[in-house]
C-alpha cells in the first residue's frame, strides 16, 4: 500500500462513529475485525482503504474514567 497524500475523516456524533478513509473515500467491503472496528477493504486493489470505529467516544470516556 502506498502512503496516501491524506487521511479523510468524518465523525457522526449522534451514532458515536468515526470514519477514517485513506485518501479519497471509495467503495470497499467492510470486514469486522472485532471490538467495534471495521476495516474497509478494496478487493480490486487488495488494500485497506479505511477504518470505521464504532462507539469511539464511549470507549474513550470509559478508559479515561478507569485511569483516574
PDB file of N, CA and C in Angstrom:
ATOM      1  N   UNK A   1       0.846  -1.167   0.000  1.00  0.00           N
ATOM      2  CA  UNK A   1       0.000   0.000   0.000  1.00  0.00           C
ATOM      3  C   UNK A   1       0.897   1.237   0.000  1.00  0.00           C
ATOM      4  N   UNK A   2       0.618   2.138  -0.903  1.00  0.00           N
ATOM      5  CA  UNK A   2       1.368   3.381  -0.959  1.00  0.00           C
ATOM      6  C   UNK A   2       0.870   4.334   0.113  1.00  0.00           C
ATOM      7  N   UNK A   3       1.772   5.171   0.599  1.00  0.00           N
ATOM      8  CA  UNK A   3       1.376   6.161   1.599  1.00  0.00           C
ATOM      9  C   UNK A   3       0.514   7.223   0.920  1.00  0.00           C
ATOM     10  N   UNK A   4      -0.710   7.436   1.434  1.00  0.00           N
ATOM     11  CA  UNK A   4      -1.612   8.403   0.794  1.00  0.00           C
ATOM     12  C   UNK A   4      -1.203   9.837   1.104  1.00  0.00           C
ATOM     13  N   UNK A   5      -1.681  10.737   0.269  1.00  0.00           N
ATOM     14  CA  UNK A   5      -1.418  12.148   0.483  1.00  0.00           C
ATOM     15  C   UNK A   5      -2.170  12.653   1.714  1.00  0.00           C
ATOM     16  N   UNK A   6      -3.292  12.026   2.029  1.00  0.00           N
ATOM     17  CA  UNK A   6      -4.083  12.488   3.164  1.00  0.00           C
ATOM     18  C   UNK A   6      -4.961  11.375   3.720  1.00  0.00           C
ATOM     19  N   UNK A   7      -5.423  11.613   4.931  1.00  0.00           N
ATOM     20  CA  UNK A   7      -6.422  10.743   5.549  1.00  0.00           C
ATOM     21  C   UNK A   7      -7.664  11.603   5.750  1.00  0.00           C
ATOM     22  N   UNK A   8      -8.771  11.169   5.198  1.00  0.00           N
ATOM     23  CA  UNK A   8     -10.034  11.880   5.311  1.00  0.00           C
ATOM     24  C   UNK A   8     -10.800  11.265   6.476  1.00  0.00           C
ATOM     25  N   UNK A   9     -11.522  12.077   7.234  1.00  0.00           N
ATOM     26  CA  UNK A   9     -12.287  11.538   8.345  1.00  0.00           C
ATOM     27  C   UNK A   9     -13.600  12.275   8.515  1.00  0.00           C
ATOM     28  N   UNK A  10     -14.539  11.559   9.120  1.00  0.00           N
ATOM     29  CA  UNK A  10     -15.849  12.126   9.432  1.00  0.00           C
ATOM     30  C   UNK A  10     -16.318  11.472  10.724  1.00  0.00           C
ATOM     31  N   UNK A  11     -16.842  12.295  11.637  1.00  0.00           N
ATOM     32  CA  UNK A  11     -17.334  11.766  12.902  1.00  0.00           C
ATOM     33  C   UNK A  11     -18.827  12.004  12.980  1.00  0.00           C
ATOM     34  N   UNK A  12     -19.599  10.943  13.223  1.00  0.00           N
ATOM     35  CA  UNK A  12     -21.039  11.025  13.404  1.00  0.00           C
ATOM     36  C   UNK A  12     -21.282  11.045  14.915  1.00  0.00           C
ATOM     37  N   UNK A  13     -21.511  12.253  15.443  1.00  0.00           N
ATOM     38  CA  UNK A  13     -21.646  12.413  16.887  1.00  0.00           C
ATOM     39  C   UNK A  13     -22.856  11.671  17.435  1.00  0.00           C
ATOM     40  N   UNK A  14     -23.958  11.722  16.722  1.00  0.00           N
ATOM     41  CA  UNK A  14     -25.182  11.060  17.191  1.00  0.00           C
ATOM     42  C   UNK A  14     -24.990   9.546  17.314  1.00  0.00           C
ATOM     43  N   UNK A  15     -24.347   8.942  16.325  1.00  0.00           N
ATOM     44  CA  UNK A  15     -24.122   7.497  16.324  1.00  0.00           C
ATOM     45  C   UNK A  15     -22.830   7.106  17.056  1.00  0.00           C
ATOM     46  N   UNK A  16     -21.968   8.098  17.376  1.00  0.00           N
ATOM     47  CA  UNK A  16     -20.670   7.866  18.004  1.00  0.00           C
ATOM     48  C   UNK A  16     -19.820   6.919  17.153  1.00  0.00           C
ATOM     49  N   UNK A  17     -19.651   7.319  15.890  1.00  0.00           N
ATOM     50  CA  UNK A  17     -18.873   6.514  14.942  1.00  0.00           C
ATOM     51  C   UNK A  17     -17.880   7.423  14.217  1.00  0.00           C
ATOM     52  N   UNK A  18     -16.620   6.986  14.160  1.00  0.00           N
ATOM     53  CA  UNK A  18     -15.582   7.702  13.432  1.00  0.00           C
ATOM     54  C   UNK A  18     -15.241   6.917  12.174  1.00  0.00           C
ATOM     55  N   UNK A  19     -15.287   7.612  11.038  1.00  0.00           N
ATOM     56  CA  UNK A  19     -14.937   7.008   9.750  1.00  0.00           C
ATOM     57  C   UNK A  19     -13.613   7.609   9.290  1.00  0.00           C
ATOM     58  N   UNK A  20     -12.629   6.769   9.042  1.00  0.00           N
ATOM     59  CA  UNK A  20     -11.335   7.205   8.513  1.00  0.00           C
ATOM     60  C   UNK A  20     -11.146   6.586   7.136  1.00  0.00           C
ATOM     61  N   UNK A  21     -10.775   7.419   6.168  1.00  0.00           N
ATOM     62  CA  UNK A  21     -10.515   6.921   4.811  1.00  0.00           C
ATOM     63  C   UNK A  21      -9.090   7.259   4.427  1.00  0.00           C
ATOM     64  N   UNK A  22      -8.407   6.294   3.865  1.00  0.00           N
ATOM     65  CA  UNK A  22      -7.058   6.512   3.356  1.00  0.00           C
ATOM     66  C   UNK A  22      -7.214   7.123   1.976  1.00  0.00           C
ATOM     67  N   UNK A  23      -6.822   8.396   1.837  1.00  0.00           N
ATOM     68  CA  UNK A  23      -7.056   9.105   0.584  1.00  0.00           C
ATOM     69  C   UNK A  23      -8.540   9.405   0.442  1.00  0.00           C
ATOM     70  N   UNK A  24      -8.996   9.566  -0.770  1.00  0.00           N
ATOM     71  CA  UNK A  24     -10.410   9.831  -1.035  1.00  0.00           C
ATOM     72  C   UNK A  24     -11.244   8.593  -0.704  1.00  0.00           C
ATOM     73  N   UNK A  25     -12.400   8.775  -0.036  1.00  0.00           N
ATOM     74  CA  UNK A  25     -13.269   7.620   0.218  1.00  0.00           C
ATOM     75  C   UNK A  25     -13.649   6.929  -1.095  1.00  0.00           C
ATOM     76  N   UNK A  26     -13.692   5.599  -1.056  1.00  0.00           N
ATOM     77  CA  UNK A  26     -14.058   4.829  -2.257  1.00  0.00           C
ATOM     78  C   UNK A  26     -14.778   3.559  -1.852  1.00  0.00           C
ATOM     79  N   UNK A  27     -15.456   2.937  -2.799  1.00  0.00           N
ATOM     80  CA  UNK A  27     -16.190   1.709  -2.479  1.00  0.00           C
ATOM     81  C   UNK A  27     -15.262   0.620  -1.929  1.00  0.00           C
ATOM     82  N   UNK A  28     -15.762  -0.094  -0.929  1.00  0.00           N
ATOM     83  CA  UNK A  28     -14.979  -1.161  -0.312  1.00  0.00           C
ATOM     84  C   UNK A  28     -15.922  -2.050   0.493  1.00  0.00           C
ATOM     85  N   UNK A  29     -15.439  -3.223   0.847  1.00  0.00           N
ATOM     86  CA  UNK A  29     -16.229  -4.093   1.723  1.00  0.00           C
ATOM     87  C   UNK A  29     -15.803  -3.820   3.162  1.00  0.00           C
ATOM     88  N   UNK A  30     -16.718  -4.040   4.089  1.00  0.00           N
ATOM     89  CA  UNK A  30     -16.398  -3.880   5.499  1.00  0.00           C
ATOM     90  C   UNK A  30     -16.102  -5.235   6.111  1.00  0.00           C
ATOM     91  N   UNK A  31     -14.991  -5.315   6.825  1.00  0.00           N
ATOM     92  CA  UNK A  31     -14.598  -6.547   7.498  1.00  0.00           C
ATOM     93  C   UNK A  31     -14.537  -6.257   8.992  1.00  0.00           C
ATOM     94  N   UNK A  32     -15.438  -6.883   9.759  1.00  0.00           N
ATOM     95  CA  UNK A  32     -15.483  -6.677  11.207  1.00  0.00           C
ATOM     96  C   UNK A  32     -14.292  -7.403  11.824  1.00  0.00           C
ATOM     97  N   UNK A  33     -13.363  -6.628  12.392  1.00  0.00           N
ATOM     98  CA  UNK A  33     -12.180  -7.244  13.000  1.00  0.00           C
ATOM     99  C   UNK A  33     -12.280  -7.252  14.527  1.00  0.00           C
ATOM    100  N   UNK A  34     -13.476  -6.941  15.037  1.00  0.00           N
ATOM    101  CA  UNK A  34     -13.737  -7.070  16.462  1.00  0.00           C
ATOM    102  C   UNK A  34     -13.658  -5.764  17.235  1.00  0.00           C
ATOM    103  N   UNK A  35     -14.322  -5.769  18.386  1.00  0.00           N
ATOM    104  CA  UNK A  35     -14.315  -4.654  19.329  1.00  0.00           C
ATOM    105  C   UNK A  35     -14.707  -3.325  18.695  1.00  0.00           C
ATOM    106  N   UNK A  36     -15.687  -3.347  17.810  1.00  0.00           N
ATOM    107  CA  UNK A  36     -16.180  -2.117  17.210  1.00  0.00           C
ATOM    108  C   UNK A  36     -15.308  -1.539  16.119  1.00  0.00           C
ATOM    109  N   UNK A  37     -14.422  -2.343  15.555  1.00  0.00           N
ATOM    110  CA  UNK A  37     -13.528  -1.874  14.494  1.00  0.00           C
ATOM    111  C   UNK A  37     -13.877  -2.601  13.196  1.00  0.00           C
ATOM    112  N   UNK A  38     -14.163  -1.810  12.168  1.00  0.00           N
ATOM    113  CA  UNK A  38     -14.458  -2.347  10.842  1.00  0.00           C
ATOM    114  C   UNK A  38     -13.361  -1.867   9.887  1.00  0.00           C
ATOM    115  N   UNK A  39     -12.654  -2.807   9.273  1.00  0.00           N
ATOM    116  CA  UNK A  39     -11.658  -2.453   8.254  1.00  0.00           C
ATOM    117  C   UNK A  39     -12.370  -2.358   6.911  1.00  0.00           C
ATOM    118  N   UNK A  40     -12.101  -1.318   6.149  1.00  0.00           N
ATOM    119  CA  UNK A  40     -12.683  -1.139   4.815  1.00  0.00           C
ATOM    120  C   UNK A  40     -11.623  -1.611   3.813  1.00  0.00           C
ATOM    121  N   UNK A  41     -11.994  -2.610   3.014  1.00  0.00           N
ATOM    122  CA  UNK A  41     -11.024  -3.271   2.137  1.00  0.00           C
ATOM    123  C   UNK A  41     -11.475  -3.204   0.682  1.00  0.00           C
ATOM    124  N   UNK A  42     -10.588  -2.707  -0.164  1.00  0.00           N
ATOM    125  CA  UNK A  42     -10.826  -2.639  -1.611  1.00  0.00           C
ATOM    126  C   UNK A  42     -10.309  -3.943  -2.214  1.00  0.00           C
ATOM    127  N   UNK A  43     -11.245  -4.831  -2.572  1.00  0.00           N
ATOM    128  CA  UNK A  43     -10.859  -6.146  -3.101  1.00  0.00           C
ATOM    129  C   UNK A  43     -10.133  -6.049  -4.439  1.00  0.00           C
ATOM    130  N   UNK A  44     -10.554  -5.106  -5.283  1.00  0.00           N
ATOM    131  CA  UNK A  44      -9.940  -4.978  -6.601  1.00  0.00           C
ATOM    132  C   UNK A  44      -8.454  -4.619  -6.509  1.00  0.00           C
ATOM    133  N   UNK A  45      -8.123  -3.680  -5.613  1.00  0.00           N
ATOM    134  CA  UNK A  45      -6.730  -3.237  -5.470  1.00  0.00           C
ATOM    135  C   UNK A  45      -6.001  -3.930  -4.325  1.00  0.00           C
ATOM    136  N   UNK A  46      -6.735  -4.792  -3.599  1.00  0.00           N
ATOM    137  CA  UNK A  46      -6.173  -5.577  -2.498  1.00  0.00           C
ATOM    138  C   UNK A  46      -5.464  -4.694  -1.462  1.00  0.00           C
ATOM    139  N   UNK A  47      -6.234  -3.691  -0.955  1.00  0.00           N
ATOM    140  CA  UNK A  47      -5.656  -2.829   0.063  1.00  0.00           C
ATOM    141  C   UNK A  47      -6.721  -2.276   1.009  1.00  0.00           C
ATOM    142  N   UNK A  48      -6.297  -2.003   2.229  1.00  0.00           N
ATOM    143  CA  UNK A  48      -7.162  -1.364   3.209  1.00  0.00           C
ATOM    144  C   UNK A  48      -7.303   0.098   2.816  1.00  0.00           C
ATOM    145  N   UNK A  49      -8.556   0.557   2.744  1.00  0.00           N
ATOM    146  CA  UNK A  49      -8.793   1.945   2.321  1.00  0.00           C
ATOM    147  C   UNK A  49      -9.468   2.768   3.416  1.00  0.00           C
ATOM    148  N   UNK A  50      -9.713   2.142   4.570  1.00  0.00           N
ATOM    149  CA  UNK A  50     -10.309   2.894   5.659  1.00  0.00           C
ATOM    150  C   UNK A  50     -10.586   2.030   6.872  1.00  0.00           C
ATOM    151  N   UNK A  51     -10.969   2.726   7.942  1.00  0.00           N
ATOM    152  CA  UNK A  51     -11.307   2.081   9.207  1.00  0.00           C
ATOM    153  C   UNK A  51     -12.546   2.798   9.760  1.00  0.00           C
ATOM    154  N   UNK A  52     -13.471   2.038  10.305  1.00  0.00           N
ATOM    155  CA  UNK A  52     -14.626   2.596  10.985  1.00  0.00           C
ATOM    156  C   UNK A  52     -14.528   2.179  12.451  1.00  0.00           C
ATOM    157  N   UNK A  53     -14.618   3.161  13.359  1.00  0.00           N
ATOM    158  CA  UNK A  53     -14.544   2.899  14.789  1.00  0.00           C
ATOM    159  C   UNK A  53     -15.901   3.197  15.416  1.00  0.00           C
ATOM    160  N   UNK A  54     -16.556   2.166  15.904  1.00  0.00           N
ATOM    161  CA  UNK A  54     -17.896   2.285  16.478  1.00  0.00           C
ATOM    162  C   UNK A  54     -17.783   2.479  17.993  1.00  0.00           C
ATOM    163  N   UNK A  55     -18.517   3.459  18.516  1.00  0.00           N
ATOM    164  CA  UNK A  55     -18.521   3.711  19.959  1.00  0.00           C
ATOM    165  C   UNK A  55     -17.247   4.360  20.455  1.00  0.00           C
ATOM    166  N   UNK A  56     -16.607   5.179  19.637  1.00  0.00           N
ATOM    167  CA  UNK A  56     -15.313   5.759  19.986  1.00  0.00           C
ATOM    168  C   UNK A  56     -15.398   6.630  21.241  1.00  0.00           C
ATOM    169  N   UNK A  57     -16.337   7.568  21.297  1.00  0.00           N
ATOM    170  CA  UNK A  57     -16.438   8.470  22.448  1.00  0.00           C
ATOM    171  C   UNK A  57     -16.715   7.680  23.720  1.00  0.00           C
ATOM    172  N   UNK A  58     -17.648   6.741  23.645  1.00  0.00           N
ATOM    173  CA  UNK A  58     -17.997   5.941  24.822  1.00  0.00           C
ATOM    174  C   UNK A  58     -16.783   5.167  25.340  1.00  0.00           C
ATOM    175  N   UNK A  59     -16.016   4.584  24.458  1.00  0.00           N
ATOM    176  CA  UNK A  59     -14.833   3.825  24.882  1.00  0.00           C
ATOM    177  C   UNK A  59     -13.759   4.739  25.446  1.00  0.00           C
ATOM    178  N   UNK A  60     -13.578   5.899  24.832  1.00  0.00           N
ATOM    179  CA  UNK A  60     -12.584   6.864  25.307  1.00  0.00           C
ATOM    180  C   UNK A  60     -12.941   7.331  26.719  1.00  0.00           C
ATOM    181  N   UNK A  61     -14.204   7.712  26.932  1.00  0.00           N
ATOM    182  CA  UNK A  61     -14.624   8.179  28.253  1.00  0.00           C
ATOM    183  C   UNK A  61     -14.493   7.082  29.307  1.00  0.00           C
ATOM    184  N   UNK A  62     -14.796   5.846  28.937  1.00  0.00           N
ATOM    185  CA  UNK A  62     -14.659   4.712  29.844  1.00  0.00           C
ATOM    186  C   UNK A  62     -13.199   4.544  30.268  1.00  0.00           C
ATOM    187  N   UNK A  63     -12.283   4.605  29.307  1.00  0.00           N
ATOM    188  CA  UNK A  63     -10.845   4.478  29.606  1.00  0.00           C
ATOM    189  C   UNK A  63     -10.356   5.624  30.485  1.00  0.00           C
ATOM    190  N   UNK A  64     -10.790   6.832  30.185  1.00  0.00           N
ATOM    191  CA  UNK A  64     -10.380   7.985  30.989  1.00  0.00           C
ATOM    192  C   UNK A  64     -10.851   7.844  32.421  1.00  0.00           C
ATOM    193  N   UNK A  65     -12.089   7.368  32.627  1.00  0.00           N
ATOM    194  CA  UNK A  65     -12.620   7.161  33.972  1.00  0.00           C
ATOM    195  C   UNK A  65     -11.843   6.083  34.718  1.00  0.00           C
ATOM    196  N   UNK A  66     -11.447   5.034  34.027  1.00  0.00           N
ATOM    197  CA  UNK A  66     -10.708   3.938  34.666  1.00  0.00           C
ATOM    198  C   UNK A  66      -9.303   4.359  35.078  1.00  0.00           C
ATOM    199  N   UNK A  67      -8.733   5.328  34.374  1.00  0.00           N
ATOM    200  CA  UNK A  67      -7.355   5.760  34.649  1.00  0.00           C
ATOM    201  C   UNK A  67      -7.272   6.918  35.633  1.00  0.00           C
ATOM    202  N   UNK A  68      -8.387   7.293  36.234  1.00  0.00           N
ATOM    203  CA  UNK A  68      -8.358   8.403  37.212  1.00  0.00           C
ATOM    204  C   UNK A  68      -8.144   7.885  38.585  1.00  0.00           C
TER     205      UNK A  68
END
